[in-house]
Amino acid sequence: MSIKIKDKEIINVRGNVVWTQTSRENEFKKANAVVQFLPFGTDERYNSLQSYDLLAQLEEEYSHDFKILNNIYAS
């Protein structure tokens, strides 16, 4: 899969879909999925360590916003 976020480098990772759900919202079909990534490492069977670093950067950037929202809603 390729993870594309505006103004960010594309992150290519391999994994397995472990859960899916579809629903209808108005006239649009909505799909959700959970993907379990394959391990990260230097072997060609694994996702690259560069992909791991890019995902870690995204988590650091975006998890901060979610923590703030969770603290606001918990108040």
Protein backbone atom coordinates (compact mmCIF):
# COMPACT_ATOMS: atom_id res chain seq x y z
CA MET A 1 0.00 0.00 0.00
CA SER A 2 1.06 3.58 -0.50
CA ILE A 3 0.26 6.09 2.20
CA LYS A 4 -0.19 9.51 0.65
CA ILE A 5 -0.56 12.61 2.81
CA LYS A 6 -0.58 16.07 1.28
CA ASP A 7 2.85 17.73 1.36
CA LYS A 8 4.50 14.56 2.73
CA GLU A 9 6.70 11.90 1.17
CA ILE A 10 4.79 8.82 -0.02
CA ILE A 11 5.28 5.86 2.33
CA ASN A 12 5.19 2.40 0.75
CA VAL A 13 4.50 -0.45 3.16
CA ARG A 14 3.41 -4.07 2.87
CA GLY A 15 0.93 -5.75 5.17
CA ASN A 16 -2.25 -7.76 5.47
CA VAL A 17 -5.81 -6.49 5.74
CA VAL A 18 -7.15 -7.96 8.99
CA TRP A 19 -10.55 -6.24 9.24
CA THR A 20 -12.89 -4.37 6.90
CA GLN A 21 -16.25 -2.64 7.19
CA THR A 22 -18.40 -0.90 4.63
CA SER A 23 -21.38 1.35 5.20
CA ARG A 24 -23.47 3.89 3.37
CA GLU A 25 -23.50 7.54 4.30
CA ASN A 26 -26.07 9.36 2.22
CA GLU A 27 -25.35 8.39 -1.37
CA PHE A 28 -21.69 7.51 -0.75
CA LYS A 29 -20.26 4.15 0.17
CA LYS A 30 -17.72 4.37 3.00
CA ALA A 31 -15.05 1.74 3.64
CA ASN A 32 -12.78 1.25 6.64
CA ALA A 33 -9.92 -1.20 6.97
CA VAL A 34 -7.31 -2.21 9.51
CA VAL A 35 -3.94 -3.25 8.09
CA GLN A 36 -1.30 -5.15 10.02
CA PHE A 37 2.09 -4.12 8.63
CA LEU A 38 4.71 -6.73 7.91
CA PRO A 39 7.83 -6.35 10.10
CA PHE A 40 10.36 -3.61 9.42
CA GLY A 41 14.00 -4.46 8.82
CA THR A 42 16.83 -4.78 6.34
CA ASP A 43 15.76 -8.07 4.74
CA GLU A 44 13.94 -7.72 1.39
CA ARG A 45 10.92 -9.57 2.83
CA TYR A 46 10.39 -6.73 5.33
CA ASN A 47 9.20 -3.17 5.08
CA SER A 48 12.09 -0.74 4.86
CA LEU A 49 13.52 1.03 7.86
CA GLN A 50 13.01 4.28 5.95
CA SER A 51 9.26 3.58 5.87
CA TYR A 52 9.37 2.93 9.62
CA ASP A 53 11.09 6.26 10.23
CA LEU A 54 8.55 8.12 8.07
CA LEU A 55 5.63 6.47 9.92
CA ALA A 56 7.21 7.35 13.25
CA GLN A 57 7.48 10.99 12.15
CA LEU A 58 3.80 11.02 11.17
CA GLU A 59 2.81 9.49 14.48
CA GLU A 60 4.80 12.10 16.38
CA GLU A 61 3.29 14.93 14.34
CA TYR A 62 -0.34 13.80 14.42
CA SER A 63 -0.60 12.04 17.79
CA HIS A 64 0.13 15.35 19.52
CA ASP A 65 -3.09 16.79 18.05
CA PHE A 66 -5.11 13.76 19.19
CA LYS A 67 -3.71 13.97 22.73
CA ILE A 68 -4.78 17.61 22.93
CA LEU A 69 -8.29 16.72 21.70
CA ASN A 70 -8.56 13.83 24.18
CA ASN A 71 -7.58 16.15 27.03
CA ILE A 72 -10.16 18.73 25.96
CA TYR A 73 -12.95 16.13 25.75
CA ALA A 74 -11.94 14.57 29.07
CA SER A 75 -12.32 17.92 30.87
